[in-house]
Structures are given as structure tokens and as C-alpha cells.
Amino acid sequence: MAELEADLDHIIPSSVLPPFWAKLVVGFVSLLCFARSYDGDFVFDDSEAIVNNKDLRAETPLGDLWHHDFWGSRLSSNTSHKSYRPLTVLTFRVNYYLSGGFHPVSFHMVNILLHGGISVLMVDVFSVLFGGLQYTSKGRRLNLAPRSSLLAALLFAVHPVHTECVAGVVGRADLLGALFFLLSFLGYCKAFRESNKEGTHSTFWVLLSIILGAVAMLCKEQGITVLGLNAVFDILVIGKFNVLEIVQKVLHKDKSLENTGVLRNGGFLFRMTLLALGGAGVLYMRWKIMGTGPPAFTEVDNPASFADSMLVRAINYNYYYSLNAWLLLCPWWLCFDWSMGCIPLIKSVGDWRVIALAALWFCIIGLICQALCSEDTHKRRILTLGLGFLIIPFLPASNLFFRVGFVVAERVLYLPSAGYCMLLTLGFGALSKHTKKKVHYNVGKNLADKGNQTAAIRYYREAVRLNPKYVHAMNNLGNILKERNELQEAEELLSLAVQIQPDFAAAWMNLGIVQNSLKRFEAAEQSYRTAIKHRRKYPDCYYNLGRLYADLNRHVDALNAWRNATVLKPEHSLAWNNMIILLDNTGNLAQAEAVGREALGLIPNDHSLMFSLANVLGKSQKYKVCKL
């Protein structure tokens, strides 16, 4: 996370990073972008949902709102679309009452203000998603990712795909649903505010989060999906669940799977049970209110869902997903209604539009692989949460569980766009990392590569001064200080780096090297072991661990460590050579010869290996072989 923040330091100035100013900027920008829609009229669906909706009028009893759909029809009617959003309709009714009739300005102003408030809340939400959940002793949540959260919130605030939700009055359903969705998520985060002991939580906040999720659903159906996002967040951030590690253990039938912390955590299982029961209960009530019957749509509303062939349905559904993804990526053309044949059906795999499906899944699979396999824990978490925020709120509109009454609807992208903004911010950081020039870290690295250590130290120190959490600068500076035998400062820097980013394997290994030089052997071994824990395939760390064991005369452990290094990296000449020399020095000439021949079979032109093997052969009086 510190690396991503450093990558964005030249995009987001420090002056806007304090929480108050960051939220003020986001709120102002969001209002500025959509303020022009304040004087719009009632258009398109506004006519049916507002102007012609009798539920807004005073003569209609308030109790009827709980038995009518979004358009004012009885839910029991065969023609009802089953859009049950009583709280949204209630706000329309309040609007109608306070403005003294159907005056669109007041309706539009509420939508604009709602979007501004949601954009401001996004600063807090993104700070948790990017920076994790950490509280002070006084219960105040820390924002560990101020730049990332601000940039993502700004992207969300100005995204053009929100036009339908904000400028169209009926889009208030999505706005209100998003508002309570975010409040539910932030409420779930507060369940861990006063937890000094890992795994504990406040049941009150968990239950309140479920209630807020139910309120979100009464504004817009997809609001209930917040419970799924809360579960994913709990698993990844609170439980620190490593999906890839678990999959590997399952495939290898590792018995340690039974001891996986998150699965044995009673608090975690209790929270998951509450979320599952709460979600099931809310959905059951929703189903009962609908009359237990699915909504009635026509082929004109959603042609693909009426196709006879399952293959045709699948292809078209996936094409719709790709169109939604394109609208997030490039909202060049927007439309209030994509029905009535706007998107012709794909009826064969020969249709050129199938390319869009392939591109979509290529990107999704690539992101999933990175989310599972990246060695950077923070990157894995951000990618997984970003994909979760992108996909989970979109599921009710995906046609996977039930038929929906539209082909493409930009309004349903309001919440998923938050996940897209997360991924885009991560992409900005990666792009910035590879394109920005003349920054202190890169200058320092170039100077160090050229052997100018004195100048490199100066630039690395400035990089750390500008960003006190720049762990990569700390690591490189610590390495140079180690080479200059300034071991105490090197240890301090490397210890700080692993404290900021506990999964920074390279820093753990370098810390172990420094501790070994300081004769702090137990600490060095622990640092090496921690590095290997965070990066399973780390041959250089096994090599250094072997050197430590050799210094301690733990010869068997040293040989095992070096053997691990050569298994992971067969061309690791130093590990091979050390094995040969150690076996030679301990009188195991036959074994030393076997290892030497094995090494030369893999690295046939390595002169140091030839020399070490020649010494072994000489001691074994195999002079002819030695000469050859």
C-alpha cells in the first residue's frame, strides 16, 4: 500500500490529503459535474414513476406504499414488474409534499445532493478498501491510503456513467440504495473498532449493518448485495484469508488446512452465520411480498432471455456484460433505453461481436490470476476487493438468477463503478510507477547501479523523507548501508520497512543478513523464515539461511537450505558451490563429488564449480579425472 501511495504522490498534492479537505474537494467536484441537471424536466420513466404515480398524492394512504411496486401498481397484479422500492417512493412523496406539487427542480436537487453525499462517503469507503482497517486506541479509524482513496473517490464523483442516476429522477432508487449500501459497509467496519483482541467484534454493529442492508434493498433491489461484500471484506481483511494458499493445500491434501486460522475462528463463523441468516431472511420476506411470483417481462424488454438456445442466451448475456464494462471504461455514448432492438441478438459464434466477449474474459481472468497469485499481499487484497465491488452489486442485473426487464441499463452500474474506480486507481499507480522520471527513488537506484553509493544514499534519504512509508526506498538504502558496514542504521531502516509492510519478503531477507552480520543469529534465522513464509519460492533467502546455519556449524540444516535453493533455482551456482565445499570440509568426499557432478550437469561452464570439484577429486586421488 505504501508503494501505491508513493506512486500517486505527484498526482495528488499533499495539501488536499487531510480528511476534511479531501471530502470537501470530492463533494464540490461531484456537485459541479451534475449541477447543470437541476433545471431538467420529468423525462422518460419519470412520467410513470412520479407524475402518473398515485402513491405520491396525499389522498393515497401511506400504508399502500408497502403493497405497491415502484410504479404504483399492486404487487399482486400480473402486470407488475415487482420493483419493490417503498422507501424511494416515500422520498418522492415527501418531495411532492414539500414542493407543493410536481416541480422537477426540487426532485433534481435531491438527486444531485445525494450523489454529492455518496461521493463524500466514498472517501471513507475507499480508505478502508485500499488501506485496510486500523483504529487508534481512542477508536478513531486511520486513513492509511489518503492519495488512493481521494483519487478513486474523485473518479467515482465525476464518472459520466452516473448521468442517468443523477439527472433522471427515477435514478434516486439507485442513489438511495447506494447510500445505505455504503452505510451498511462502514457500519460493518465499525464492528471491529474497539477490538483489541484479534477476532473479536461488536455484534451490535454487525446487526445494524444487516438492517442497513435491508433498508438499502427497500430503496433498490441490489442493495442487499452489501452483505456479500461485507462477507468478502471480513474474509480478506479481517480474517486475512489467502485463497491461493488454501487452494494449494487442498490440492496437496495438506493436513495443516484443518488449522487454518480463519476457519477455526469462532467470531468469524458467527459473523458469517449472522450475514447468511440475515440475507436469507430479508430475501425471503422480499419474495413473500412479491407474491412468490417472478416479474412478467416481454421479449421486447430483454430479447436474449427469450432465446430458445442456452448457448445463444449465454453468448448474449456475456456480450451485455462486455457492453457494461465498455461503458465504465469509455462512456463515449450513453443511452437512457437500450431496448427495442438497440442491440441485435448474436445468433452465431461467427458474429464479430464475439471478440468483445473474449476481450472481457481475457481481462477478467487476468485480474483474477493477479488477485490470486501476486506475491504482494496488498495488491491481492485490493484486486479482490475491487473485483468484488465491481461484480457483487451487479449480480442482480446479470440475468444469472432471474430474468431482468432490460438489456443494458447504465443506472445499475452506479455501485459497480466504485469497483472499477478502485481498479483504475491501482492501474494509475502501476502506470505512474513505470512512467514518472527523475523521482528521487529512481535517481537513487540508477546511481547505486553505477556504483555511486554516496549520491544514491542522498536520494534515497530524500525519498524516505518525502514519503516516510516508502518501504522500497528503505530497503535499497538499508542494502547500501549494509555494504558500507553501517549495520545499526541498516537494521533500523529494514525493521521499519517490514513493520510498515509485514509481507515485504526482500526486506525480511536483507534484515536477516544484517542481523547475521551483527551476530544476532536467532533474530536472523527468524527474519529468513519470515521472508520464506511470505515468498515460498525464494532461493536467495534459502541460500542466506544456509550460510547462517554453516556459521553456526549446523551442517545438515545448511545443506538442506542450499538444496532447497537449488531446487527452486537449479542454476544457483553459489548454493551448489557451498554444498560442495561444506561436504569437502566435513570429509564427505563421495557425496561432495556427486553434488559437484550434479551441479556441472546443470551449469556446465561454471569455473567456480569446476575448481571446487577438482579439489574434491584431488583429495580422492582421482587425478586423471581432476585434470580432465
Foldseek 3Di string as FASTA:
>chain_A
DLLLLLLCPVVDDPVQLDLVSLLVVLLVLLLVQQVVLLQPAADDCSCQQAVVACCLDPVDDLVVLLQAASRNHGLPDQQDQLRQQSVLSVVSSVQCVVVVHRRRNSLLVVLSNLLSVLLSLQLVVVLCLQVNFDEDQVLHTDRPRRSLSSQLSNCLSNQPLCCCLRSHSLSVLLSLLSVLLSVLLVLLSSQCRNPPDQLHGNVVSLVVSLVSLLNSCSSGNLSVLSLVLSLLCCCCRRLVHQPLVLVVCVVVVPPCNVVRPLVPRPSSVVSNVCSVVSSVVSVVVSCVSSVVDHHDADCQQPVLVPDPDPVQSVLLLLLLVLVLVCCLVPVPDDDQACTPCVDPGDDDPPPPSSVSSVVVVVVVVVLQCCLNPPLQSSSVSLSVSLVCQQPSSCVVVSCPVHDHRHSHHSSSCSRNSSSVSSVVSSVSSVVSVPPDPDQLQVVLVVCVVVVNNVVSLVSLVVSCVVRVQNLVSLQVNLVSCVVVVVLVSSLVSLVSNCVSPVLPLSSLLSNLVSCVVVVVLVSSLVSLVSSCVSPVLDLVSLQVNLVSCVVVVVNVSSLVSLVSSCVSPVQPVVSLLVNLVSCVVVPVLVVSLVSLVSSCVVVVPDVSSLVSNLVSCVVVVVNVVSVD
